[in-house]
Amino acid sequence: MAVLNPPRVLPGLGRAIVNYLLDARRTPTEDELVAAFKPEGLNPGADAASGLRNTISALRAINILEEDADGALRIGPKVETFNTPYTTRQFRRVLQDRVFAIDQSGDLWATQAGERHTSGARDLHRALTWVLAQDALGRPLAWTDNVQAMQADQFKTRNNEAWAITNDTRWLATVRWILALGLATTSVVKDKNGIVPLPVIAVDDALDDFPNERLAIHDLLARLGRAIPVLHGGSIRSSMVARLGGDPDAGIKAECADSSIGQALRILEDRGRLAFEALPDADGIRLSRFDNARQTHVIIKAGGKK
């Protein structure tokens, strides 16, 4: 089941759906859930409930919801639940956990028959990986401005079926998902609309699971790649690079940290979440192609300014 294919998926609506199920006295069917969120007579258009139904479909695809033999919807067994409704941050971590739980069987970039090419969020994985391989210091990404041309150039074909994101409908869905997962931000520059592949929130979330201690910088980057496999160092990025014949990120080309990760780490340093060290005679890396110093170690600190 595809995640990007339902055109009106609203990841943020997922929290309201899951919180409703947590408090429900019985497990409703999809039709009953739709009726609860969109009562009969409210916006009676033929497509009025499509955003809700598309969101339910996507949540089933990543196993946040499951449907039993009688058609009743319940929260999936791998989703951590609480005695209180999910906060925004708690539900974002649920989304991350389920989206980043990648099916490792086969190359995600190799075309497979039928739904196998998109099942288990494979379409979303490819889209997120491609976006996060772009230059975080470059122009914001927008479908009509640059995304189509960049994909044609990098994948070396104008056949959009070979791209990571095949059309503008899936691009809009990708934008909603990437923001909900904390992997990007919207542009704040006037007259430069689009998103910036800046995963500050997702990296900060991942750091909660790391020890608050000094780590070698390459150890930190490897751990981030395992925790967020759509980032540089993750398996999907490696497969994409092999397919493209090289890594498109400007930081990697300059033998620095990936630009998305490097910028995110600099921002978290400014917020007091991290501190970097440049110890002599230790292997280091420049966080940006504009840096001179090579950082060798990082100290993870609890808290920091949000």
Protein backbone atom coordinates (compact mmCIF):
# COMPACT_ATOMS: atom_id res chain seq x y z
CA MET A 1 0.00 0.00 0.00
CA ALA A 2 1.44 3.37 -1.02
CA VAL A 3 1.82 6.29 1.38
CA LEU A 4 2.23 9.09 -1.17
CA ASN A 5 -0.38 7.85 -3.61
CA PRO A 6 -3.50 8.86 -1.63
CA PRO A 7 -3.45 12.52 -2.72
CA ARG A 8 -4.94 14.15 0.36
CA VAL A 9 -3.07 12.49 3.23
CA LEU A 10 -2.81 14.76 6.29
CA PRO A 11 -0.19 13.32 8.68
CA GLY A 12 -1.08 15.85 11.37
CA LEU A 13 -4.66 14.57 11.38
CA GLY A 14 -3.28 11.21 12.42
CA ARG A 15 -2.80 12.41 16.00
CA ALA A 16 -6.50 13.31 16.31
CA ILE A 17 -7.49 9.92 14.88
CA VAL A 18 -5.22 7.96 17.22
CA ASN A 19 -6.27 10.02 20.25
CA TYR A 20 -9.92 9.35 19.35
CA LEU A 21 -9.24 5.61 19.20
CA LEU A 22 -7.45 5.72 22.55
CA ASP A 23 -10.56 7.15 24.19
CA ALA A 24 -13.17 5.19 22.20
CA ARG A 25 -15.37 2.76 24.14
CA ARG A 26 -15.23 0.29 21.25
CA THR A 27 -13.22 -0.13 18.08
CA PRO A 28 -15.00 1.60 15.17
CA THR A 29 -14.96 0.64 11.52
CA GLU A 30 -13.53 3.08 9.00
CA ASP A 31 -17.03 4.24 8.05
CA GLU A 32 -17.89 4.83 11.72
CA LEU A 33 -14.66 6.74 12.23
CA VAL A 34 -15.39 8.90 9.19
CA ALA A 35 -18.91 9.55 10.47
CA ALA A 36 -17.48 10.67 13.83
CA PHE A 37 -15.05 13.12 12.24
CA LYS A 38 -17.35 14.27 9.42
CA PRO A 39 -20.97 13.97 10.52
CA GLU A 40 -23.63 13.51 7.86
CA GLY A 41 -24.61 16.84 6.31
CA LEU A 42 -21.34 18.59 7.15
CA ASN A 43 -19.72 19.61 3.88
CA PRO A 44 -21.70 17.09 1.81
CA GLY A 45 -19.40 17.17 -1.24
CA ALA A 46 -18.45 13.86 -2.83
CA ASP A 47 -14.80 14.25 -1.81
CA ALA A 48 -15.43 15.82 1.57
CA ALA A 49 -14.09 12.82 3.51
CA SER A 50 -11.22 11.95 1.16
CA GLY A 51 -8.56 13.63 3.32
CA LEU A 52 -9.70 11.58 6.31
CA ARG A 53 -9.94 8.33 4.37
CA ASN A 54 -6.56 8.92 2.69
CA THR A 55 -4.98 9.56 6.08
CA ILE A 56 -6.46 6.35 7.51
CA SER A 57 -5.08 4.48 4.49
CA ALA A 58 -1.59 5.90 5.00
CA LEU A 59 -1.63 5.13 8.74
CA ARG A 60 -2.50 1.53 7.91
CA ALA A 61 0.37 1.40 5.42
CA ILE A 62 2.90 2.25 8.14
CA ASN A 63 1.17 0.05 10.76
CA ILE A 64 0.01 2.81 13.07
CA LEU A 65 -3.49 1.50 12.47
CA GLU A 66 -4.60 -2.02 11.69
CA GLU A 67 -7.93 -3.43 10.61
CA ASP A 68 -9.26 -6.74 11.93
CA ALA A 69 -11.33 -9.32 10.07
CA ASP A 70 -14.54 -7.53 11.06
CA GLY A 71 -13.30 -4.21 9.64
CA ALA A 72 -12.69 -2.60 13.05
CA LEU A 73 -9.76 -0.15 13.29
CA ARG A 74 -7.38 -0.21 16.21
CA ILE A 75 -3.94 1.12 17.06
CA GLY A 76 -1.19 -1.19 15.80
CA PRO A 77 0.63 -3.42 18.31
CA LYS A 78 4.02 -1.81 17.66
CA VAL A 79 2.80 1.68 18.59
CA GLU A 80 3.64 2.83 22.10
CA THR A 81 0.53 4.11 23.88
CA PHE A 82 0.09 6.28 26.96
CA ASN A 83 -2.58 6.86 29.57
CA THR A 84 -3.07 10.37 28.20
CA PRO A 85 -3.62 11.66 24.66
CA TYR A 86 -0.55 11.98 22.47
CA THR A 87 1.19 15.32 22.50
CA THR A 88 2.44 16.73 19.20
CA ARG A 89 5.97 15.58 20.02
CA GLN A 90 4.90 12.11 21.15
CA PHE A 91 2.94 11.52 17.97
CA ARG A 92 5.82 12.82 15.84
CA ARG A 93 8.04 10.19 17.46
CA VAL A 94 5.41 7.55 16.63
CA LEU A 95 5.40 8.69 12.99
CA GLN A 96 9.20 8.60 12.91
CA ASP A 97 9.33 5.15 14.48
CA ARG A 98 6.91 3.64 11.99
CA VAL A 99 8.19 5.48 8.89
CA PHE A 100 11.84 4.75 9.69
CA ALA A 101 11.10 1.04 10.30
CA ILE A 102 12.33 0.17 6.83
CA ASP A 103 11.75 -3.15 5.12
CA GLN A 104 15.29 -4.16 4.23
CA SER A 105 14.26 -6.83 1.71
CA GLY A 106 15.51 -5.79 -1.71
CA ASP A 107 16.75 -2.51 -3.12
CA LEU A 108 14.16 0.22 -2.51
CA TRP A 109 15.29 1.94 -5.71
CA ALA A 110 14.81 -1.10 -7.93
CA THR A 111 11.44 -1.22 -9.67
CA GLN A 112 9.32 -4.09 -8.39
CA ALA A 113 6.03 -5.44 -9.68
CA GLY A 114 2.73 -4.08 -8.39
CA GLU A 115 2.44 -2.75 -4.86
CA ARG A 116 5.85 -4.08 -3.85
CA HIS A 117 7.37 -0.91 -5.30
CA THR A 118 5.41 1.26 -2.85
CA SER A 119 4.43 -1.02 0.05
CA GLY A 120 5.58 -0.34 3.59
CA ALA A 121 6.24 3.36 2.88
CA ARG A 122 8.84 2.53 0.21
CA ASP A 123 7.60 5.43 -1.95
CA LEU A 124 7.89 7.82 1.00
CA HIS A 125 11.37 6.51 1.86
CA ARG A 126 12.63 7.25 -1.64
CA ALA A 127 11.10 10.73 -1.63
CA LEU A 128 12.50 11.68 1.79
CA THR A 129 15.95 10.33 0.91
CA TRP A 130 16.13 12.31 -2.31
CA VAL A 131 15.02 15.57 -0.64
CA LEU A 132 17.54 15.17 2.19
CA ALA A 133 20.34 14.56 -0.32
CA GLN A 134 19.90 18.08 -1.70
CA ASP A 135 21.93 21.09 -0.60
CA ALA A 136 20.49 22.57 2.61
CA LEU A 137 22.36 25.79 1.77
CA GLY A 138 20.90 25.98 -1.73
CA ARG A 139 17.62 27.33 -3.05
CA PRO A 140 14.47 26.07 -1.27
CA LEU A 141 12.86 23.13 -3.02
CA ALA A 142 9.60 23.67 -4.91
CA TRP A 143 8.07 21.52 -7.63
CA THR A 144 7.79 24.11 -10.38
CA ASP A 145 10.94 26.04 -9.40
CA ASN A 146 13.54 23.30 -9.33
CA VAL A 147 12.44 19.85 -8.13
CA GLN A 148 11.46 18.56 -11.58
CA ALA A 149 14.62 19.84 -13.26
CA MET A 150 16.88 18.56 -10.47
CA GLN A 151 15.39 15.07 -10.64
CA ALA A 152 15.68 14.96 -14.43
CA ASP A 153 19.33 15.96 -14.11
CA GLN A 154 20.25 13.64 -11.24
CA PHE A 155 18.35 10.57 -12.45
CA LYS A 156 19.52 11.33 -16.00
CA THR A 157 16.08 10.88 -17.53
CA ARG A 158 12.93 12.85 -18.22
CA ASN A 159 10.86 9.74 -17.53
CA ASN A 160 9.29 10.84 -14.26
CA GLU A 161 8.42 7.24 -13.34
CA ALA A 162 12.15 6.74 -12.69
CA TRP A 163 12.31 9.68 -10.28
CA ALA A 164 11.98 9.60 -6.51
CA ILE A 165 8.92 11.88 -6.67
CA THR A 166 6.93 11.33 -9.83
CA ASN A 167 4.46 14.24 -9.93
CA ASP A 168 3.26 17.38 -8.18
CA THR A 169 0.55 15.52 -6.23
CA ARG A 170 3.13 13.26 -4.64
CA TRP A 171 5.40 16.24 -4.09
CA LEU A 172 2.70 17.97 -2.03
CA ALA A 173 2.22 14.77 -0.03
CA THR A 174 6.00 14.54 0.47
CA VAL A 175 6.08 18.10 1.80
CA ARG A 176 3.36 17.33 4.35
CA TRP A 177 5.16 14.19 5.51
CA ILE A 178 8.64 15.68 5.67
CA LEU A 179 7.42 18.59 7.80
CA ALA A 180 5.41 16.30 10.09
CA LEU A 181 8.49 14.12 10.63
CA GLY A 182 10.72 17.09 11.53
CA LEU A 183 13.02 16.53 8.55
CA ALA A 184 12.64 19.92 6.87
CA THR A 185 11.43 23.46 7.39
CA THR A 186 9.59 25.91 5.20
CA SER A 187 11.61 28.73 3.66
CA VAL A 188 11.63 31.98 5.61
CA VAL A 189 13.22 33.93 2.77
CA LYS A 190 10.89 36.33 0.99
CA ASP A 191 10.17 35.40 -2.63
CA LYS A 192 11.82 31.98 -2.15
CA ASN A 193 8.96 29.59 -1.54
CA GLY A 194 9.55 25.93 -0.80
CA ILE A 195 11.09 23.69 1.82
CA VAL A 196 14.65 23.44 3.08
CA PRO A 197 16.06 19.96 3.89
CA LEU A 198 16.96 20.93 7.44
CA PRO A 199 16.21 18.05 9.86
CA VAL A 200 16.80 19.95 13.11
CA ILE A 201 13.71 18.59 14.86
CA ALA A 202 14.27 14.98 13.81
CA VAL A 203 17.96 15.07 14.78
CA ASP A 204 17.07 16.62 18.14
CA ASP A 205 14.50 13.86 18.68
CA ALA A 206 17.08 11.20 17.82
CA LEU A 207 19.57 12.68 20.28
CA ASP A 208 17.14 11.89 23.10
CA ASP A 209 18.03 8.24 22.56
CA PHE A 210 21.79 8.86 22.59
CA PRO A 211 23.89 9.01 25.77
CA ASN A 212 24.61 12.51 27.09
CA GLU A 213 28.36 12.11 26.78
CA ARG A 214 31.30 12.80 24.49
CA LEU A 215 31.26 10.90 21.20
CA ALA A 216 33.65 10.86 18.27
CA ILE A 217 32.04 12.89 15.50
CA HIS A 218 32.07 9.99 13.03
CA ASP A 219 30.38 7.80 15.66
CA LEU A 220 27.66 10.42 16.07
CA LEU A 221 27.10 10.67 12.30
CA ALA A 222 26.91 6.87 11.99
CA ARG A 223 24.37 6.68 14.81
CA LEU A 224 22.25 9.38 13.18
CA GLY A 225 22.30 7.44 9.91
CA ARG A 226 21.04 4.35 11.69
CA ALA A 227 18.39 6.24 13.68
CA ILE A 228 17.16 8.21 10.64
CA PRO A 229 17.94 5.97 7.66
CA VAL A 230 16.81 8.52 5.08
CA LEU A 231 19.79 10.69 6.10
CA HIS A 232 23.35 10.33 4.84
CA GLY A 233 24.83 7.15 6.26
CA GLY A 234 21.52 5.30 6.01
CA SER A 235 21.02 2.33 3.73
CA ILE A 236 18.52 4.03 1.41
CA ARG A 237 20.85 6.95 0.74
CA SER A 238 23.66 4.52 -0.16
CA SER A 239 21.40 2.73 -2.65
CA MET A 240 20.33 6.04 -4.18
CA VAL A 241 23.92 7.22 -4.55
CA ALA A 242 24.78 3.96 -6.34
CA ARG A 243 21.83 4.51 -8.66
CA LEU A 244 22.75 8.14 -9.39
CA GLY A 245 26.45 7.45 -9.75
CA GLY A 246 27.38 9.98 -7.07
CA ASP A 247 26.04 11.87 -4.07
CA PRO A 248 24.26 15.10 -5.06
CA ASP A 249 24.85 16.87 -1.74
CA ALA A 250 27.33 19.75 -1.98
CA GLY A 251 28.76 19.02 1.46
CA ILE A 252 29.59 15.43 0.61
CA LYS A 253 31.15 16.53 -2.67
CA ALA A 254 33.41 18.87 -0.66
CA GLU A 255 34.39 15.99 1.68
CA CYS A 256 32.43 17.53 4.55
CA ALA A 257 29.41 16.41 6.51
CA ASP A 258 26.20 16.20 4.54
CA SER A 259 24.82 19.76 4.34
CA SER A 260 21.49 18.87 5.95
CA ILE A 261 23.13 17.18 8.92
CA GLY A 262 25.91 19.75 9.24
CA GLN A 263 23.48 22.68 9.32
CA ALA A 264 21.18 20.89 11.76
CA LEU A 265 24.09 20.18 14.11
CA ARG A 266 25.22 23.83 13.96
CA ILE A 267 21.72 25.00 14.90
CA LEU A 268 21.57 22.53 17.78
CA GLU A 269 24.98 23.78 18.91
CA ASP A 270 23.57 27.33 19.02
CA ARG A 271 20.69 26.02 21.13
CA GLY A 272 23.03 24.42 23.65
CA ARG A 273 22.08 20.88 22.72
CA LEU A 274 25.57 20.01 21.49
CA ALA A 275 29.13 21.20 21.93
CA PHE A 276 31.94 20.40 19.49
CA GLU A 277 35.61 19.83 20.11
CA ALA A 278 38.61 19.78 17.80
CA LEU A 279 41.11 17.55 19.55
CA PRO A 280 44.62 17.19 18.07
CA ASP A 281 45.62 13.94 16.42
CA ALA A 282 41.99 12.77 16.13
CA ASP A 283 40.02 12.08 12.99
CA GLY A 284 37.60 14.91 12.28
CA ILE A 285 35.31 16.40 9.67
CA ARG A 286 34.21 19.86 8.58
CA LEU A 287 30.53 20.38 9.29
CA SER A 288 30.23 22.77 6.35
CA ARG A 289 32.15 23.41 3.16
CA PHE A 290 32.53 26.98 4.45
CA ASP A 291 34.31 25.84 7.65
CA ASN A 292 38.05 25.66 8.10
CA ALA A 293 38.16 23.73 11.37
CA ARG A 294 37.54 20.00 11.52
CA GLN A 295 35.43 18.84 14.46
CA THR A 296 36.58 15.58 16.04
CA HIS A 297 34.21 15.06 18.99
CA VAL A 298 30.77 16.15 20.09
CA ILE A 299 29.29 16.42 23.58
CA ILE A 300 25.56 15.74 23.74
CA LYS A 301 23.72 17.74 26.38
CA ALA A 302 20.24 17.22 27.74
CA GLY A 303 17.67 19.93 27.10
CA GLY A 304 18.92 22.97 25.27
CA LYS A 305 16.86 25.85 23.93
CA LYS A 306 13.92 24.80 21.75
